[in-house]
């Protein structure tokens, strides 16, 4: 990338950050006002428990990335990964691209720590796979908890079964693709060509925004690095534990909001609703899955017997509090990285 193009890309990233935040605030303006009115009825001490839970959540991700990079032969510092986790969360919040923007950003930022973009990309794929795999036992536990309290109906069973099926199918498909150098080359080259077509619609003068030959070389490196994970699969034990802990802290953060409303609800309902909202939110065309996230989480909670008014209030409060905790530091670190050109040493 030339020096003349560098500042433009940094400007685009900055503008994307501001645009995403503006859309987020605008989309939630009514909920923000409603949440402010509800503050007087909330147990603030219980609500503040989200702060240490979020700290532990990012701690889990920082340790996860350290473990994943260690398997690939790269040693990174704990606080480097902690900061990068906050930046990544901000990017994933403001750019509705099913996590693709976050994967690209993570690969680019990894260079600042002496890690190739392909290793950074593979670490993100590995994280997503581990998150999906580690959430499957939690879904089963949630279904058992719902059954014990007679909160299981046909809708709940269909939803849980569909999620578990999608998780298993997605995991197997990802492994199938990356197992073969030819398959991953063919699939990702096809995706790269589609991206080039989409970019050309926005910027007609660009003949090939993403160089196919360069991308294919990166895909080959991605496969080679995957073989390191496969060869040293026993070393993935701790990364798996860290992703499980990350899932547990997210569920606990949501449950804490119910405690702040002085409500003790079925934990299984929270486990199921959180999974549905997050997976469905990936397809939203608005930042942070606005609308889809809140609607689906509330719908699942209602289906498990939790009153609609309580479910909606808790969902909105959870979203606002977590964004208030995570987005400001994430944006500041992201902006600092952009100002430093993303690739410089931190």
Foldseek 3Di string as FASTA:
>chain_A
DDPVCLVVVLVVVLVLLVVLVVLVCVLCVVVVVVLVVCVVLFQVVLLVVLQVLVVLLLQLQLVLLQLLVVLLPAHDDSVVSSLLVLLLVSQQQRAQALSPSSLQLQLLLVLLRVDHSLSSNLSVVVLVLLLLVLLLVVLVVLVVLLVVVVLDDPVLVVLSVVSNVVSVVVNVVVCVQLQDLVSQLVVVLVVQVVVQVVVCVVVVVDPRPDDSVVVSVSSNVNSVSVVSCVVPVVSCPSSSVSSNSSLVSLLVSLQSLCVRSVHDDRSSLSSSLQSQLVVVLSPANGGPSRPSNLVSSLVSSVSSPDDSVSSSSSSSVSVVVVCVSRNPSNVVSNSVCSVVSSNHHD
